[in-house]
Amino acid sequence: MSVVVEYKGYYVPLDSVPDEIMTEWETTLKGERARILSALQEKIPNADAFITKLANPAHEVWKDFVNPNWVDKDLILLKHEIKLKGAYDSFNTGIQNAFAEGGTFEQNVTNKKSKFQLARYTMGSVGIRYKTAWGPAYKAIGVLSGDRRVKIYMGANDTFTGDVVNVFLKGATRIARATALPLITQGLVLAQLAHENGLADRRDAVITNINEKLANSVLRMVDTSKYTVTLNIGYDSVADKLYAYAKAETVA
């Protein structure tokens, strides 16, 4: 066997989400206010629809959580059902107030804006192509799926040898990319959070879990008559960083 391509990219979360992305996030969400209210009113236009589409399904699900050995179980269930079925006016007033211009929805978007900074973990994995280029999650699957553009964006945290190749069966490339990217990103983000909190065993458990998923999904789409492929995430104890790794070798 000979190595066709090998890639290792260290995962480094962004220091912060760029200001223009934070502003766009806030503006976009607030811009959806009227549409969300309209959709709610169309879905639940009156008390009958509220009972059919919300109250009854909610009560049916909630019944399963009630301890069947409670002495007053039947009365508790009746109380829950009666209160739910009579709650339309409160529900309707609530959504009207929440989605009014300048209402609770818009206020909470602004108040919770700082929480969107957590997206810096995801952006460190997938990248921001126009600003920070692609991250290691996309580069790892990109070098295996024929996307030659990734070569342009290799940086200090990347090690790349060989050449980009498409190792997947005919028709499977796009599916493989769409499956690999969220899996790798989920793994890197969760493992990083565990690592930052000193939970090395949980970090390693995440790595194992994600690598099993990659093996049982993305790697099953490889044309094994031509290639032996590795695609995984890991932790480099020397660099003290998580990474995404990809390698393709020709079949002897």
C-alpha atoms as a PDB file:
ATOM      1  CA  MET A   1       0.000   0.000   0.000  1.00  0.00           C
ATOM      2  CA  SER A   2       1.104   3.567  -0.629  1.00  0.00           C
ATOM      3  CA  VAL A   3      -0.148   6.700   1.073  1.00  0.00           C
ATOM      4  CA  VAL A   4      -2.199   8.930  -1.232  1.00  0.00           C
ATOM      5  CA  VAL A   5      -3.040  11.656   1.271  1.00  0.00           C
ATOM      6  CA  GLU A   6      -2.570  12.268   4.986  1.00  0.00           C
ATOM      7  CA  TYR A   7      -3.924  15.167   7.003  1.00  0.00           C
ATOM      8  CA  LYS A   8      -3.851  16.153  10.661  1.00  0.00           C
ATOM      9  CA  GLY A   9      -5.420  19.396  11.810  1.00  0.00           C
ATOM     10  CA  TYR A  10      -5.339  20.695  15.365  1.00  0.00           C
ATOM     11  CA  TYR A  11      -8.604  22.011  16.709  1.00  0.00           C
ATOM     12  CA  VAL A  12      -8.411  25.505  18.190  1.00  0.00           C
ATOM     13  CA  PRO A  13     -11.672  27.228  19.196  1.00  0.00           C
ATOM     14  CA  LEU A  14     -11.910  30.865  18.162  1.00  0.00           C
ATOM     15  CA  ASP A  15     -11.089  33.394  20.862  1.00  0.00           C
ATOM     16  CA  SER A  16     -14.475  34.977  20.190  1.00  0.00           C
ATOM     17  CA  VAL A  17     -17.208  35.095  17.580  1.00  0.00           C
ATOM     18  CA  PRO A  18     -16.514  38.032  15.233  1.00  0.00           C
ATOM     19  CA  ASP A  19     -18.595  41.132  15.989  1.00  0.00           C
ATOM     20  CA  GLU A  20     -20.188  41.222  12.540  1.00  0.00           C
ATOM     21  CA  ILE A  21     -21.453  37.654  12.977  1.00  0.00           C
ATOM     22  CA  MET A  22     -22.835  38.467  16.424  1.00  0.00           C
ATOM     23  CA  THR A  23     -24.680  41.461  14.990  1.00  0.00           C
ATOM     24  CA  GLU A  24     -25.982  39.466  12.020  1.00  0.00           C
ATOM     25  CA  TRP A  25     -27.244  36.754  14.401  1.00  0.00           C
ATOM     26  CA  GLU A  26     -29.154  39.297  16.473  1.00  0.00           C
ATOM     27  CA  THR A  27     -30.575  41.147  13.469  1.00  0.00           C
ATOM     28  CA  THR A  28     -31.607  37.944  11.685  1.00  0.00           C
ATOM     29  CA  LEU A  29     -33.431  36.533  14.706  1.00  0.00           C
ATOM     30  CA  LYS A  30     -35.263  39.779  15.399  1.00  0.00           C
ATOM     31  CA  GLY A  31     -36.216  39.925  11.750  1.00  0.00           C
ATOM     32  CA  GLU A  32     -38.035  36.606  12.182  1.00  0.00           C
ATOM     33  CA  ARG A  33     -40.329  37.937  14.925  1.00  0.00           C
ATOM     34  CA  ALA A  34     -43.364  38.726  12.738  1.00  0.00           C
ATOM     35  CA  ARG A  35     -43.029  35.486  10.749  1.00  0.00           C
ATOM     36  CA  ILE A  36     -42.901  33.377  13.916  1.00  0.00           C
ATOM     37  CA  LEU A  37     -45.991  35.076  15.326  1.00  0.00           C
ATOM     38  CA  SER A  38     -47.847  34.625  12.044  1.00  0.00           C
ATOM     39  CA  ALA A  39     -46.920  30.939  11.914  1.00  0.00           C
ATOM     40  CA  LEU A  40     -48.094  30.406  15.498  1.00  0.00           C
ATOM     41  CA  GLN A  41     -51.402  32.112  14.798  1.00  0.00           C
ATOM     42  CA  GLU A  42     -51.905  30.089  11.642  1.00  0.00           C
ATOM     43  CA  LYS A  43     -51.139  26.844  13.450  1.00  0.00           C
ATOM     44  CA  ILE A  44     -53.171  27.682  16.563  1.00  0.00           C
ATOM     45  CA  PRO A  45     -55.859  30.147  15.423  1.00  0.00           C
ATOM     46  CA  ASN A  46     -58.404  29.416  18.182  1.00  0.00           C
ATOM     47  CA  ALA A  47     -59.189  27.454  21.330  1.00  0.00           C
ATOM     48  CA  ASP A  48     -60.277  24.329  19.450  1.00  0.00           C
ATOM     49  CA  ALA A  49     -56.958  24.136  17.602  1.00  0.00           C
ATOM     50  CA  PHE A  50     -55.122  24.759  20.869  1.00  0.00           C
ATOM     51  CA  ILE A  51     -56.869  21.802  22.495  1.00  0.00           C
ATOM     52  CA  THR A  52     -56.384  19.492  19.513  1.00  0.00           C
ATOM     53  CA  LYS A  53     -52.781  20.352  18.658  1.00  0.00           C
ATOM     54  CA  LEU A  54     -51.282  21.280  22.026  1.00  0.00           C
ATOM     55  CA  ALA A  55     -53.388  20.467  25.067  1.00  0.00           C
ATOM     56  CA  ASN A  56     -54.453  16.916  24.208  1.00  0.00           C
ATOM     57  CA  PRO A  57     -51.030  15.711  22.942  1.00  0.00           C
ATOM     58  CA  ALA A  58     -49.309  17.307  25.942  1.00  0.00           C
ATOM     59  CA  HIS A  59     -51.676  15.629  28.351  1.00  0.00           C
ATOM     60  CA  GLU A  60     -51.277  12.229  26.694  1.00  0.00           C
ATOM     61  CA  VAL A  61     -47.500  12.421  27.013  1.00  0.00           C
ATOM     62  CA  TRP A  62     -47.613  13.778  30.572  1.00  0.00           C
ATOM     63  CA  LYS A  63     -49.794  10.871  31.729  1.00  0.00           C
ATOM     64  CA  ASP A  64     -46.864   8.517  31.244  1.00  0.00           C
ATOM     65  CA  PHE A  65     -44.834  10.449  33.819  1.00  0.00           C
ATOM     66  CA  VAL A  66     -47.424  10.179  36.573  1.00  0.00           C
ATOM     67  CA  ASN A  67     -46.696   7.514  39.159  1.00  0.00           C
ATOM     68  CA  PRO A  68     -49.470   4.933  38.727  1.00  0.00           C
ATOM     69  CA  ASN A  69     -49.310   4.178  42.475  1.00  0.00           C
ATOM     70  CA  TRP A  70     -50.257   7.704  43.557  1.00  0.00           C
ATOM     71  CA  VAL A  71     -53.405   7.607  45.649  1.00  0.00           C
ATOM     72  CA  ASP A  72     -54.915  10.606  43.836  1.00  0.00           C
ATOM     73  CA  LYS A  73     -53.563   9.734  40.392  1.00  0.00           C
ATOM     74  CA  ASP A  74     -56.943  10.021  38.633  1.00  0.00           C
ATOM     75  CA  LEU A  75     -57.705  13.391  40.195  1.00  0.00           C
ATOM     76  CA  ILE A  76     -54.223  14.702  39.389  1.00  0.00           C
ATOM     77  CA  LEU A  77     -54.691  13.696  35.747  1.00  0.00           C
ATOM     78  CA  LEU A  78     -58.109  15.350  35.615  1.00  0.00           C
ATOM     79  CA  LYS A  79     -56.695  18.543  37.130  1.00  0.00           C
ATOM     80  CA  HIS A  80     -53.896  18.624  34.563  1.00  0.00           C
ATOM     81  CA  GLU A  81     -56.285  18.029  31.656  1.00  0.00           C
ATOM     82  CA  ILE A  82     -58.788  20.662  32.805  1.00  0.00           C
ATOM     83  CA  LYS A  83     -56.125  23.329  33.339  1.00  0.00           C
ATOM     84  CA  LEU A  84     -54.514  22.644  29.958  1.00  0.00           C
ATOM     85  CA  LYS A  85     -57.767  22.733  28.018  1.00  0.00           C
ATOM     86  CA  GLY A  86     -58.677  26.039  29.611  1.00  0.00           C
ATOM     87  CA  ALA A  87     -55.328  27.695  28.943  1.00  0.00           C
ATOM     88  CA  TYR A  88     -55.880  29.067  25.431  1.00  0.00           C
ATOM     89  CA  ASP A  89     -56.547  32.662  26.460  1.00  0.00           C
ATOM     90  CA  SER A  90     -53.400  32.725  28.568  1.00  0.00           C
ATOM     91  CA  PHE A  91     -51.406  31.120  25.744  1.00  0.00           C
ATOM     92  CA  ASN A  92     -52.692  33.589  23.165  1.00  0.00           C
ATOM     93  CA  THR A  93     -52.024  36.626  25.372  1.00  0.00           C
ATOM     94  CA  GLY A  94     -48.563  35.304  26.070  1.00  0.00           C
ATOM     95  CA  ILE A  95     -47.544  34.938  22.434  1.00  0.00           C
ATOM     96  CA  GLN A  96     -49.064  38.296  21.500  1.00  0.00           C
ATOM     97  CA  ASN A  97     -47.036  40.018  24.213  1.00  0.00           C
ATOM     98  CA  ALA A  98     -43.883  38.017  23.530  1.00  0.00           C
ATOM     99  CA  PHE A  99     -43.852  38.641  19.798  1.00  0.00           C
ATOM    100  CA  ALA A 100     -45.002  42.241  19.822  1.00  0.00           C
ATOM    101  CA  GLU A 101     -42.453  44.694  18.469  1.00  0.00           C
ATOM    102  CA  GLY A 102     -40.008  45.344  21.293  1.00  0.00           C
ATOM    103  CA  GLY A 103     -41.560  42.507  23.300  1.00  0.00           C
ATOM    104  CA  THR A 104     -40.093  39.615  25.253  1.00  0.00           C
ATOM    105  CA  PHE A 105     -38.797  37.823  22.171  1.00  0.00           C
ATOM    106  CA  GLU A 106     -36.710  40.753  20.944  1.00  0.00           C
ATOM    107  CA  GLN A 107     -35.580  41.591  24.478  1.00  0.00           C
ATOM    108  CA  ASN A 108     -34.391  38.043  25.106  1.00  0.00           C
ATOM    109  CA  VAL A 109     -32.552  37.884  21.789  1.00  0.00           C
ATOM    110  CA  THR A 110     -30.522  40.892  22.909  1.00  0.00           C
ATOM    111  CA  ASN A 111     -30.157  39.655  26.497  1.00  0.00           C
ATOM    112  CA  LYS A 112     -28.951  36.233  25.366  1.00  0.00           C
ATOM    113  CA  LYS A 113     -26.659  37.547  22.653  1.00  0.00           C
ATOM    114  CA  SER A 114     -23.579  36.873  24.759  1.00  0.00           C
ATOM    115  CA  LYS A 115     -24.452  33.161  24.855  1.00  0.00           C
ATOM    116  CA  PHE A 116     -23.899  33.000  21.109  1.00  0.00           C
ATOM    117  CA  GLN A 117     -20.204  33.306  21.953  1.00  0.00           C
ATOM    118  CA  LEU A 118     -20.356  29.539  22.540  1.00  0.00           C
ATOM    119  CA  ALA A 119     -20.496  29.238  18.759  1.00  0.00           C
ATOM    120  CA  ARG A 120     -16.758  29.965  18.804  1.00  0.00           C
ATOM    121  CA  TYR A 121     -16.273  26.270  19.578  1.00  0.00           C
ATOM    122  CA  THR A 122     -18.215  25.194  16.499  1.00  0.00           C
ATOM    123  CA  MET A 123     -16.550  27.823  14.326  1.00  0.00           C
ATOM    124  CA  GLY A 124     -13.144  26.570  15.422  1.00  0.00           C
ATOM    125  CA  SER A 125     -14.065  23.192  13.947  1.00  0.00           C
ATOM    126  CA  VAL A 126     -15.839  24.147  10.712  1.00  0.00           C
ATOM    127  CA  GLY A 127     -14.145  27.501  10.197  1.00  0.00           C
ATOM    128  CA  ILE A 128     -15.436  30.736   8.698  1.00  0.00           C
ATOM    129  CA  ARG A 129     -14.302  30.456   5.114  1.00  0.00           C
ATOM    130  CA  TYR A 130     -14.313  34.165   4.259  1.00  0.00           C
ATOM    131  CA  LYS A 131     -12.541  35.121   7.490  1.00  0.00           C
ATOM    132  CA  THR A 132     -10.589  32.260   9.066  1.00  0.00           C
ATOM    133  CA  ALA A 133     -10.830  29.697   6.234  1.00  0.00           C
ATOM    134  CA  TRP A 134     -12.058  26.156   6.776  1.00  0.00           C
ATOM    135  CA  GLY A 135     -11.453  24.404  10.071  1.00  0.00           C
ATOM    136  CA  PRO A 136     -10.005  20.914  10.630  1.00  0.00           C
ATOM    137  CA  ALA A 137     -13.380  19.163  10.486  1.00  0.00           C
ATOM    138  CA  TYR A 138     -13.996  20.181   6.891  1.00  0.00           C
ATOM    139  CA  LYS A 139     -10.371  19.835   5.826  1.00  0.00           C
ATOM    140  CA  ALA A 140     -10.276  16.246   7.105  1.00  0.00           C
ATOM    141  CA  ILE A 141     -13.277  15.166   5.068  1.00  0.00           C
ATOM    142  CA  GLY A 142     -12.349  17.509   2.210  1.00  0.00           C
ATOM    143  CA  VAL A 143      -8.997  15.836   1.498  1.00  0.00           C
ATOM    144  CA  LEU A 144     -10.818  12.493   1.267  1.00  0.00           C
ATOM    145  CA  SER A 145     -13.717  13.699  -0.867  1.00  0.00           C
ATOM    146  CA  GLY A 146     -11.912  15.424  -3.715  1.00  0.00           C
ATOM    147  CA  ASP A 147     -12.257  19.053  -2.633  1.00  0.00           C
ATOM    148  CA  ARG A 148      -8.989  20.514  -3.880  1.00  0.00           C
ATOM    149  CA  ARG A 149      -9.828  23.941  -2.478  1.00  0.00           C
ATOM    150  CA  VAL A 150      -8.827  22.829   1.012  1.00  0.00           C
ATOM    151  CA  LYS A 151      -5.177  22.842  -0.036  1.00  0.00           C
ATOM    152  CA  ILE A 152      -5.345  26.632  -0.341  1.00  0.00           C
ATOM    153  CA  TYR A 153      -6.383  27.010   3.280  1.00  0.00           C
ATOM    154  CA  MET A 154      -3.805  24.881   5.042  1.00  0.00           C
ATOM    155  CA  GLY A 155      -2.251  26.782   7.939  1.00  0.00           C
ATOM    156  CA  ALA A 156       0.015  26.552  10.967  1.00  0.00           C
ATOM    157  CA  ASN A 157      -2.263  24.044  12.719  1.00  0.00           C
ATOM    158  CA  ASP A 158      -2.389  21.693   9.710  1.00  0.00           C
ATOM    159  CA  THR A 159      -0.073  18.953   8.480  1.00  0.00           C
ATOM    160  CA  PHE A 160      -0.788  17.830   4.926  1.00  0.00           C
ATOM    161  CA  THR A 161       1.066  15.450   2.625  1.00  0.00           C
ATOM    162  CA  GLY A 162       0.151  13.817  -0.665  1.00  0.00           C
ATOM    163  CA  ASP A 163      -2.761  15.061  -2.718  1.00  0.00           C
ATOM    164  CA  VAL A 164      -6.514  15.387  -2.358  1.00  0.00           C
ATOM    165  CA  VAL A 165      -8.440  12.321  -3.508  1.00  0.00           C
ATOM    166  CA  ASN A 166     -12.040  11.124  -3.631  1.00  0.00           C
ATOM    167  CA  VAL A 167     -12.145   7.772  -1.848  1.00  0.00           C
ATOM    168  CA  PHE A 168     -15.903   7.306  -1.846  1.00  0.00           C
ATOM    169  CA  LEU A 169     -18.191   5.131  -3.886  1.00  0.00           C
ATOM    170  CA  LYS A 170     -19.961   6.713  -6.824  1.00  0.00           C
ATOM    171  CA  GLY A 171     -22.782   8.936  -5.616  1.00  0.00           C
ATOM    172  CA  ALA A 172     -21.704   8.809  -1.979  1.00  0.00           C
ATOM    173  CA  THR A 173     -19.343  11.787  -1.793  1.00  0.00           C
ATOM    174  CA  ARG A 174     -21.845  14.471  -0.840  1.00  0.00           C
ATOM    175  CA  ILE A 175     -23.532  12.175   1.657  1.00  0.00           C
ATOM    176  CA  ALA A 176     -20.172  11.355   3.212  1.00  0.00           C
ATOM    177  CA  ARG A 177     -19.304  15.046   3.604  1.00  0.00           C
ATOM    178  CA  ALA A 178     -22.706  15.877   5.055  1.00  0.00           C
ATOM    179  CA  THR A 179     -22.375  13.029   7.551  1.00  0.00           C
ATOM    180  CA  ALA A 180     -18.750  13.544   8.519  1.00  0.00           C
ATOM    181  CA  LEU A 181     -18.725  17.288   9.142  1.00  0.00           C
ATOM    182  CA  PRO A 182     -21.333  17.397  11.952  1.00  0.00           C
ATOM    183  CA  LEU A 183     -19.984  14.221  13.550  1.00  0.00           C
ATOM    184  CA  ILE A 184     -16.398  15.483  13.659  1.00  0.00           C
ATOM    185  CA  THR A 185     -17.547  18.892  14.878  1.00  0.00           C
ATOM    186  CA  GLN A 186     -19.751  17.428  17.578  1.00  0.00           C
ATOM    187  CA  GLY A 187     -16.858  15.303  18.756  1.00  0.00           C
ATOM    188  CA  LEU A 188     -14.294  18.087  18.787  1.00  0.00           C
ATOM    189  CA  VAL A 189     -16.591  20.526  20.586  1.00  0.00           C
ATOM    190  CA  LEU A 190     -17.765  18.096  23.273  1.00  0.00           C
ATOM    191  CA  ALA A 191     -14.275  16.689  23.810  1.00  0.00           C
ATOM    192  CA  GLN A 192     -12.864  20.224  24.094  1.00  0.00           C
ATOM    193  CA  LEU A 193     -15.447  21.189  26.700  1.00  0.00           C
ATOM    194  CA  ALA A 194     -14.603  18.069  28.689  1.00  0.00           C
ATOM    195  CA  HIS A 195     -10.887  18.792  28.332  1.00  0.00           C
ATOM    196  CA  GLU A 196     -11.249  22.384  29.514  1.00  0.00           C
ATOM    197  CA  ASN A 197     -13.066  21.134  32.605  1.00  0.00           C
ATOM    198  CA  GLY A 198     -10.398  18.571  33.466  1.00  0.00           C
ATOM    199  CA  LEU A 199     -12.536  15.578  32.484  1.00  0.00           C
ATOM    200  CA  ALA A 200      -9.958  13.547  30.589  1.00  0.00           C
ATOM    201  CA  ASP A 201     -11.923  10.303  30.818  1.00  0.00           C
ATOM    202  CA  ARG A 202     -15.053  11.972  29.459  1.00  0.00           C
ATOM    203  CA  ARG A 203     -13.001  13.616  26.706  1.00  0.00           C
ATOM    204  CA  ASP A 204     -11.669  10.225  25.666  1.00  0.00           C
ATOM    205  CA  ALA A 205     -15.144   8.689  25.872  1.00  0.00           C
ATOM    206  CA  VAL A 206     -16.429  11.305  23.420  1.00  0.00           C
ATOM    207  CA  ILE A 207     -13.524  10.574  21.070  1.00  0.00           C
ATOM    208  CA  THR A 208     -14.270   6.846  21.150  1.00  0.00           C
ATOM    209  CA  ASN A 209     -17.978   7.405  20.585  1.00  0.00           C
ATOM    210  CA  ILE A 210     -17.491   9.690  17.584  1.00  0.00           C
ATOM    211  CA  ASN A 211     -14.848   7.477  15.994  1.00  0.00           C
ATOM    212  CA  GLU A 212     -17.211   4.519  16.222  1.00  0.00           C
ATOM    213  CA  LYS A 213     -19.915   6.563  14.516  1.00  0.00           C
ATOM    214  CA  LEU A 214     -17.529   7.622  11.748  1.00  0.00           C
ATOM    215  CA  ALA A 215     -16.512   4.002  11.222  1.00  0.00           C
ATOM    216  CA  ASN A 216     -20.123   2.874  11.060  1.00  0.00           C
ATOM    217  CA  SER A 217     -21.276   5.584   8.678  1.00  0.00           C
ATOM    218  CA  VAL A 218     -18.773   7.612   6.651  1.00  0.00           C
ATOM    219  CA  LEU A 219     -16.154   4.900   6.302  1.00  0.00           C
ATOM    220  CA  ARG A 220     -18.764   2.439   5.064  1.00  0.00           C
ATOM    221  CA  MET A 221     -19.135   4.626   1.970  1.00  0.00           C
ATOM    222  CA  VAL A 222     -15.456   4.218   0.990  1.00  0.00           C
ATOM    223  CA  ASP A 223     -14.567   2.355  -2.199  1.00  0.00           C
ATOM    224  CA  THR A 224     -12.624  -0.340  -0.392  1.00  0.00           C
ATOM    225  CA  SER A 225     -11.621  -1.978  -3.656  1.00  0.00           C
ATOM    226  CA  LYS A 226      -9.253   0.961  -4.165  1.00  0.00           C
ATOM    227  CA  TYR A 227      -8.555   2.552  -0.789  1.00  0.00           C
ATOM    228  CA  THR A 228      -7.930   1.883   2.874  1.00  0.00           C
ATOM    229  CA  VAL A 229      -9.085   4.952   4.762  1.00  0.00           C
ATOM    230  CA  THR A 230      -8.740   6.344   8.262  1.00  0.00           C
ATOM    231  CA  LEU A 231     -10.935   9.201   9.488  1.00  0.00           C
ATOM    232  CA  ASN A 232     -11.056  10.032  13.157  1.00  0.00           C
ATOM    233  CA  ILE A 233     -10.555  12.561  15.914  1.00  0.00           C
ATOM    234  CA  GLY A 234      -8.081  12.326  18.775  1.00  0.00           C
ATOM    235  CA  TYR A 235      -6.140  14.067  21.515  1.00  0.00           C
ATOM    236  CA  ASP A 236      -2.443  14.862  21.169  1.00  0.00           C
ATOM    237  CA  SER A 237      -0.989  14.916  24.669  1.00  0.00           C
ATOM    238  CA  VAL A 238       2.249  16.545  23.522  1.00  0.00           C
ATOM    239  CA  ALA A 239       0.527  19.456  21.780  1.00  0.00           C
ATOM    240  CA  ASP A 240      -2.295  19.363  24.357  1.00  0.00           C
ATOM    241  CA  LYS A 241      -4.796  19.755  21.538  1.00  0.00           C
ATOM    242  CA  LEU A 242      -7.580  17.802  19.945  1.00  0.00           C
ATOM    243  CA  TYR A 243      -7.315  17.067  16.245  1.00  0.00           C
ATOM    244  CA  ALA A 244      -9.056  15.693  13.170  1.00  0.00           C
ATOM    245  CA  TYR A 245      -7.143  13.100  11.158  1.00  0.00           C
ATOM    246  CA  ALA A 246      -7.584  11.659   7.679  1.00  0.00           C
ATOM    247  CA  LYS A 247      -5.501   9.203   5.683  1.00  0.00           C
ATOM    248  CA  ALA A 248      -6.016   7.285   2.458  1.00  0.00           C
ATOM    249  CA  GLU A 249      -3.817   4.482   1.176  1.00  0.00           C
ATOM    250  CA  THR A 250      -4.117   2.514  -2.013  1.00  0.00           C
ATOM    251  CA  VAL A 251      -5.059  -1.148  -1.737  1.00  0.00           C
ATOM    252  CA  ALA A 252      -2.094  -3.369  -2.517  1.00  0.00           C
END
